[in-house]
Amino acid sequence: MSWENLLTDLGYAGFAGFVVGFAVKKLINLFLMFVGLYLLSLLWLQSKGIIDINWEQFWVLFKSLFQGVDTFVKGALKTVAFSSAFAGGFFLGFKAG
């Protein structure tokens, strides 16, 4: 493999990492916005006396959701071989968003 091909591959991996990192950050922000709106709607409904919330069970459910996401992300990271250019591009894309 020549240096030119290697640098081209690193450039593509860096760009792909940037795009994926940017997209992941935007999706996380969107997800957190919906979670916030959901919690606000629950609090509003509780303040109006429409619903009664068992907060202990709610937090157990919420915690299990994030443990499932954490397990999925760790498994995905183990199965995908990231090049240093992809990881660097991901970091730059995540920071740029």
C-alpha atoms as a PDB file:
ATOM      1  CA  MET A   1       0.000   0.000   0.000  1.00  0.00           C
ATOM      2  CA  SER A   2       1.401   3.378  -0.958  1.00  0.00           C
ATOM      3  CA  TRP A   3       1.454   6.465   1.241  1.00  0.00           C
ATOM      4  CA  GLU A   4      -1.013   8.154  -1.060  1.00  0.00           C
ATOM      5  CA  ASN A   5      -3.568   5.350  -0.636  1.00  0.00           C
ATOM      6  CA  LEU A   6      -3.018   5.307   3.121  1.00  0.00           C
ATOM      7  CA  LEU A   7      -3.536   9.056   3.439  1.00  0.00           C
ATOM      8  CA  THR A   8      -6.629   8.858   1.257  1.00  0.00           C
ATOM      9  CA  ASP A   9      -8.089   6.116   3.452  1.00  0.00           C
ATOM     10  CA  LEU A  10      -7.292   8.095   6.603  1.00  0.00           C
ATOM     11  CA  GLY A  11      -8.947  11.159   5.094  1.00  0.00           C
ATOM     12  CA  TYR A  12     -12.114   9.218   4.270  1.00  0.00           C
ATOM     13  CA  ALA A  13     -12.173   7.656   7.728  1.00  0.00           C
ATOM     14  CA  GLY A  14     -11.676  11.048   9.356  1.00  0.00           C
ATOM     15  CA  PHE A  15     -14.482  12.582   7.314  1.00  0.00           C
ATOM     16  CA  ALA A  16     -16.785   9.638   8.062  1.00  0.00           C
ATOM     17  CA  GLY A  17     -15.969   9.933  11.754  1.00  0.00           C
ATOM     18  CA  PHE A  18     -16.726  13.658  11.672  1.00  0.00           C
ATOM     19  CA  VAL A  19     -20.105  13.101  10.022  1.00  0.00           C
ATOM     20  CA  VAL A  20     -21.075  10.274  12.370  1.00  0.00           C
ATOM     21  CA  GLY A  21     -19.975  12.227  15.452  1.00  0.00           C
ATOM     22  CA  PHE A  22     -21.937  15.282  14.336  1.00  0.00           C
ATOM     23  CA  ALA A  23     -25.055  13.180  13.695  1.00  0.00           C
ATOM     24  CA  VAL A  24     -24.775  11.340  17.020  1.00  0.00           C
ATOM     25  CA  LYS A  25     -24.538  14.606  18.929  1.00  0.00           C
ATOM     26  CA  LYS A  26     -27.609  15.996  17.151  1.00  0.00           C
ATOM     27  CA  LEU A  27     -29.566  12.792  17.897  1.00  0.00           C
ATOM     28  CA  ILE A  28     -28.567  12.900  21.562  1.00  0.00           C
ATOM     29  CA  ASN A  29     -29.719  16.517  21.797  1.00  0.00           C
ATOM     30  CA  LEU A  30     -33.033  15.636  20.139  1.00  0.00           C
ATOM     31  CA  PHE A  31     -33.525  12.659  22.469  1.00  0.00           C
ATOM     32  CA  LEU A  32     -32.805  14.757  25.562  1.00  0.00           C
ATOM     33  CA  MET A  33     -35.227  17.428  24.366  1.00  0.00           C
ATOM     34  CA  PHE A  34     -38.013  14.842  24.057  1.00  0.00           C
ATOM     35  CA  VAL A  35     -37.188  13.374  27.478  1.00  0.00           C
ATOM     36  CA  GLY A  36     -37.376  16.871  28.985  1.00  0.00           C
ATOM     37  CA  LEU A  37     -40.721  17.569  27.324  1.00  0.00           C
ATOM     38  CA  TYR A  38     -42.023  14.213  28.537  1.00  0.00           C
ATOM     39  CA  LEU A  39     -40.991  14.940  32.121  1.00  0.00           C
ATOM     40  CA  LEU A  40     -42.495  18.423  31.956  1.00  0.00           C
ATOM     41  CA  SER A  41     -45.775  17.000  30.666  1.00  0.00           C
ATOM     42  CA  LEU A  42     -45.846  14.459  33.505  1.00  0.00           C
ATOM     43  CA  LEU A  43     -45.192  17.184  36.069  1.00  0.00           C
ATOM     44  CA  TRP A  44     -47.926  19.361  34.564  1.00  0.00           C
ATOM     45  CA  LEU A  45     -50.433  16.493  34.586  1.00  0.00           C
ATOM     46  CA  GLN A  46     -49.513  15.709  38.190  1.00  0.00           C
ATOM     47  CA  SER A  47     -49.917  19.353  39.212  1.00  0.00           C
ATOM     48  CA  LYS A  48     -53.425  19.366  37.701  1.00  0.00           C
ATOM     49  CA  GLY A  49     -54.332  16.230  39.669  1.00  0.00           C
ATOM     50  CA  ILE A  50     -54.922  14.164  36.526  1.00  0.00           C
ATOM     51  CA  ILE A  51     -52.273  11.553  37.292  1.00  0.00           C
ATOM     52  CA  ASP A  52     -50.354  10.368  40.332  1.00  0.00           C
ATOM     53  CA  ILE A  53     -46.735   9.384  39.659  1.00  0.00           C
ATOM     54  CA  ASN A  54     -44.835   6.705  41.555  1.00  0.00           C
ATOM     55  CA  TRP A  55     -41.449   8.425  41.228  1.00  0.00           C
ATOM     56  CA  GLU A  56     -39.454   5.543  42.717  1.00  0.00           C
ATOM     57  CA  GLN A  57     -40.722   3.135  40.054  1.00  0.00           C
ATOM     58  CA  PHE A  58     -40.333   5.788  37.362  1.00  0.00           C
ATOM     59  CA  TRP A  59     -36.633   6.235  38.164  1.00  0.00           C
ATOM     60  CA  VAL A  60     -36.090   2.452  38.222  1.00  0.00           C
ATOM     61  CA  LEU A  61     -37.614   2.248  34.746  1.00  0.00           C
ATOM     62  CA  PHE A  62     -35.623   5.256  33.521  1.00  0.00           C
ATOM     63  CA  LYS A  63     -32.369   3.844  34.922  1.00  0.00           C
ATOM     64  CA  SER A  64     -32.949   0.475  33.239  1.00  0.00           C
ATOM     65  CA  LEU A  65     -33.506   2.250  29.921  1.00  0.00           C
ATOM     66  CA  PHE A  66     -30.123   3.951  30.126  1.00  0.00           C
ATOM     67  CA  GLN A  67     -28.417   0.729  31.198  1.00  0.00           C
ATOM     68  CA  GLY A  68     -29.805  -0.893  28.057  1.00  0.00           C
ATOM     69  CA  VAL A  69     -28.466   1.941  25.905  1.00  0.00           C
ATOM     70  CA  ASP A  70     -25.099   1.718  27.667  1.00  0.00           C
ATOM     71  CA  THR A  71     -24.914  -2.034  27.040  1.00  0.00           C
ATOM     72  CA  PHE A  72     -25.789  -1.545  23.364  1.00  0.00           C
ATOM     73  CA  VAL A  73     -23.158   1.170  22.875  1.00  0.00           C
ATOM     74  CA  LYS A  74     -20.442  -0.863  24.601  1.00  0.00           C
ATOM     75  CA  GLY A  75     -21.289  -3.894  22.456  1.00  0.00           C
ATOM     76  CA  ALA A  76     -21.265  -1.823  19.272  1.00  0.00           C
ATOM     77  CA  LEU A  77     -17.899  -0.304  20.132  1.00  0.00           C
ATOM     78  CA  LYS A  78     -16.411  -3.748  20.749  1.00  0.00           C
ATOM     79  CA  THR A  79     -17.548  -5.106  17.400  1.00  0.00           C
ATOM     80  CA  VAL A  80     -16.515  -2.167  15.233  1.00  0.00           C
ATOM     81  CA  ALA A  81     -12.832  -1.513  14.618  1.00  0.00           C
ATOM     82  CA  PHE A  82     -12.313   2.248  14.674  1.00  0.00           C
ATOM     83  CA  SER A  83      -9.273   3.720  13.036  1.00  0.00           C
ATOM     84  CA  SER A  84      -7.586   6.620  14.753  1.00  0.00           C
ATOM     85  CA  ALA A  85      -8.705   8.931  11.956  1.00  0.00           C
ATOM     86  CA  PHE A  86     -12.332   7.841  12.390  1.00  0.00           C
ATOM     87  CA  ALA A  87     -12.164   8.399  16.137  1.00  0.00           C
ATOM     88  CA  GLY A  88     -10.498  11.779  15.654  1.00  0.00           C
ATOM     89  CA  GLY A  89     -13.096  12.786  13.086  1.00  0.00           C
ATOM     90  CA  PHE A  90     -15.860  11.582  15.387  1.00  0.00           C
ATOM     91  CA  PHE A  91     -14.483  13.756  18.176  1.00  0.00           C
ATOM     92  CA  LEU A  92     -14.270  16.796  15.924  1.00  0.00           C
ATOM     93  CA  GLY A  93     -17.788  16.200  14.593  1.00  0.00           C
ATOM     94  CA  PHE A  94     -19.158  15.780  18.090  1.00  0.00           C
ATOM     95  CA  LYS A  95     -17.480  18.981  19.255  1.00  0.00           C
ATOM     96  CA  ALA A  96     -18.593  20.924  16.172  1.00  0.00           C
ATOM     97  CA  GLY A  97     -22.283  20.190  16.763  1.00  0.00           C
END
